[in-house]
Amino acid sequence: VEIVTIQLGSLRSRLAARRITLDVTQPAMALLAHQGFDPAFGARPLKRTIQREISDPMAVRILQGSLSDGDTVTVDVVDNCIALR
């Protein structure tokens, strides 16, 4: 879970430019760690998992206008899947 925190720090830094806050629940952290775990490849699969599950959907919301500067996004688990609220 610590590596997830480190990887999310990079995303949080990029979002800070737009004053967007990212809150990630403990269940979401655990699921991201599980989905992105691969001892043979280190953190690379985790980076892709975070991009696929969080970064890409947030980018779409920003482009659609449903996510604006100053908003807060909560990352949680719903039905064993990552969900953004």
C-alpha atoms as a PDB file:
ATOM      1  CA  VAL A   1       0.000   0.000   0.000  1.00  0.00           C
ATOM      2  CA  GLU A   2       2.976   2.327   0.570  1.00  0.00           C
ATOM      3  CA  ILE A   3       3.959   2.191  -3.096  1.00  0.00           C
ATOM      4  CA  VAL A   4       0.358   3.100  -4.007  1.00  0.00           C
ATOM      5  CA  THR A   5       0.674   6.178  -1.797  1.00  0.00           C
ATOM      6  CA  ILE A   6       3.906   7.153  -3.545  1.00  0.00           C
ATOM      7  CA  GLN A   7       2.423   6.654  -7.015  1.00  0.00           C
ATOM      8  CA  LEU A   8      -0.715   8.609  -6.099  1.00  0.00           C
ATOM      9  CA  GLY A   9       1.514  11.435  -4.864  1.00  0.00           C
ATOM     10  CA  SER A  10       2.619  12.037  -8.435  1.00  0.00           C
ATOM     11  CA  LEU A  11      -0.992  12.207  -9.634  1.00  0.00           C
ATOM     12  CA  ARG A  12      -1.942  14.481  -6.736  1.00  0.00           C
ATOM     13  CA  SER A  13       0.880  16.854  -7.691  1.00  0.00           C
ATOM     14  CA  ARG A  14      -0.416  17.102 -11.254  1.00  0.00           C
ATOM     15  CA  LEU A  15      -3.967  17.689 -10.012  1.00  0.00           C
ATOM     16  CA  ALA A  16      -2.804  20.399  -7.606  1.00  0.00           C
ATOM     17  CA  ALA A  17      -2.212  22.689 -10.583  1.00  0.00           C
ATOM     18  CA  ARG A  18      -5.988  22.588 -11.110  1.00  0.00           C
ATOM     19  CA  ARG A  19      -6.676  22.690  -7.362  1.00  0.00           C
ATOM     20  CA  ILE A  20      -8.345  19.281  -7.653  1.00  0.00           C
ATOM     21  CA  THR A  21      -8.116  17.189  -4.491  1.00  0.00           C
ATOM     22  CA  LEU A  22      -7.875  13.406  -4.646  1.00  0.00           C
ATOM     23  CA  ASP A  23      -9.143  11.420  -1.647  1.00  0.00           C
ATOM     24  CA  VAL A  24      -8.497   7.681  -1.814  1.00  0.00           C
ATOM     25  CA  THR A  25     -10.171   5.332   0.659  1.00  0.00           C
ATOM     26  CA  GLN A  26      -8.279   2.467   2.306  1.00  0.00           C
ATOM     27  CA  PRO A  27     -10.302  -0.177   0.403  1.00  0.00           C
ATOM     28  CA  ALA A  28      -9.416   1.577  -2.868  1.00  0.00           C
ATOM     29  CA  MET A  29      -5.737   1.670  -1.893  1.00  0.00           C
ATOM     30  CA  ALA A  30      -5.825  -2.057  -1.141  1.00  0.00           C
ATOM     31  CA  LEU A  31      -7.574  -2.878  -4.431  1.00  0.00           C
ATOM     32  CA  LEU A  32      -5.114  -0.760  -6.432  1.00  0.00           C
ATOM     33  CA  ALA A  33      -2.205  -2.501  -4.684  1.00  0.00           C
ATOM     34  CA  HIS A  34      -3.722  -5.903  -5.482  1.00  0.00           C
ATOM     35  CA  GLN A  35      -4.492  -5.076  -9.132  1.00  0.00           C
ATOM     36  CA  GLY A  36      -1.107  -3.449  -9.721  1.00  0.00           C
ATOM     37  CA  PHE A  37       1.026  -6.051  -7.973  1.00  0.00           C
ATOM     38  CA  ASP A  38       3.593  -7.895 -10.058  1.00  0.00           C
ATOM     39  CA  PRO A  39       6.894  -8.732  -8.367  1.00  0.00           C
ATOM     40  CA  ALA A  40       8.559  -9.374 -11.731  1.00  0.00           C
ATOM     41  CA  PHE A  41       7.898  -5.877 -13.071  1.00  0.00           C
ATOM     42  CA  GLY A  42       7.980  -3.712  -9.951  1.00  0.00           C
ATOM     43  CA  ALA A  43       5.857  -0.545  -9.954  1.00  0.00           C
ATOM     44  CA  ARG A  44       5.216  -0.389 -13.707  1.00  0.00           C
ATOM     45  CA  PRO A  45       1.959  -2.392 -13.575  1.00  0.00           C
ATOM     46  CA  LEU A  46       0.789  -0.199 -10.682  1.00  0.00           C
ATOM     47  CA  LYS A  47       1.400   2.951 -12.714  1.00  0.00           C
ATOM     48  CA  ARG A  48      -0.704   1.508 -15.532  1.00  0.00           C
ATOM     49  CA  THR A  49      -3.434   0.462 -13.097  1.00  0.00           C
ATOM     50  CA  ILE A  50      -3.611   3.965 -11.603  1.00  0.00           C
ATOM     51  CA  GLN A  51      -3.681   5.468 -15.079  1.00  0.00           C
ATOM     52  CA  ARG A  52      -6.451   3.130 -16.286  1.00  0.00           C
ATOM     53  CA  GLU A  53      -8.586   3.282 -13.124  1.00  0.00           C
ATOM     54  CA  ILE A  54      -8.114   6.907 -11.988  1.00  0.00           C
ATOM     55  CA  SER A  55      -6.128   9.211 -14.299  1.00  0.00           C
ATOM     56  CA  ASP A  56      -7.891   8.390 -17.577  1.00  0.00           C
ATOM     57  CA  PRO A  57     -11.460   8.607 -16.183  1.00  0.00           C
ATOM     58  CA  MET A  58     -10.580  11.902 -14.466  1.00  0.00           C
ATOM     59  CA  ALA A  59      -9.166  13.303 -17.715  1.00  0.00           C
ATOM     60  CA  VAL A  60     -12.416  12.438 -19.492  1.00  0.00           C
ATOM     61  CA  ARG A  61     -14.427  14.186 -16.756  1.00  0.00           C
ATOM     62  CA  ILE A  62     -12.235  17.282 -17.015  1.00  0.00           C
ATOM     63  CA  LEU A  63     -12.716  17.385 -20.789  1.00  0.00           C
ATOM     64  CA  GLN A  64     -16.477  16.868 -20.433  1.00  0.00           C
ATOM     65  CA  GLY A  65     -16.662  19.661 -17.873  1.00  0.00           C
ATOM     66  CA  SER A  66     -18.058  17.470 -15.089  1.00  0.00           C
ATOM     67  CA  LEU A  67     -14.834  17.931 -13.087  1.00  0.00           C
ATOM     68  CA  SER A  68     -13.656  21.482 -12.529  1.00  0.00           C
ATOM     69  CA  ASP A  69     -10.865  23.355 -10.802  1.00  0.00           C
ATOM     70  CA  GLY A  70     -11.301  23.223  -7.044  1.00  0.00           C
ATOM     71  CA  ASP A  71     -13.315  19.972  -7.012  1.00  0.00           C
ATOM     72  CA  THR A  72     -12.629  16.972  -4.792  1.00  0.00           C
ATOM     73  CA  VAL A  73     -12.680  13.437  -6.177  1.00  0.00           C
ATOM     74  CA  THR A  74     -13.098  10.457  -3.867  1.00  0.00           C
ATOM     75  CA  VAL A  75     -11.748   7.131  -5.080  1.00  0.00           C
ATOM     76  CA  ASP A  76     -13.567   4.200  -3.494  1.00  0.00           C
ATOM     77  CA  VAL A  77     -14.511   0.589  -4.166  1.00  0.00           C
ATOM     78  CA  VAL A  78     -18.002  -0.306  -5.396  1.00  0.00           C
ATOM     79  CA  ASP A  79     -18.804  -3.915  -6.316  1.00  0.00           C
ATOM     80  CA  ASN A  80     -15.079  -4.766  -6.166  1.00  0.00           C
ATOM     81  CA  CYS A  81     -14.263  -2.078  -8.760  1.00  0.00           C
ATOM     82  CA  ILE A  82     -12.636   1.338  -8.451  1.00  0.00           C
ATOM     83  CA  ALA A  83     -15.249   4.106  -8.492  1.00  0.00           C
ATOM     84  CA  LEU A  84     -14.777   7.878  -8.664  1.00  0.00           C
ATOM     85  CA  ARG A  85     -17.214  10.176  -6.864  1.00  0.00           C
END
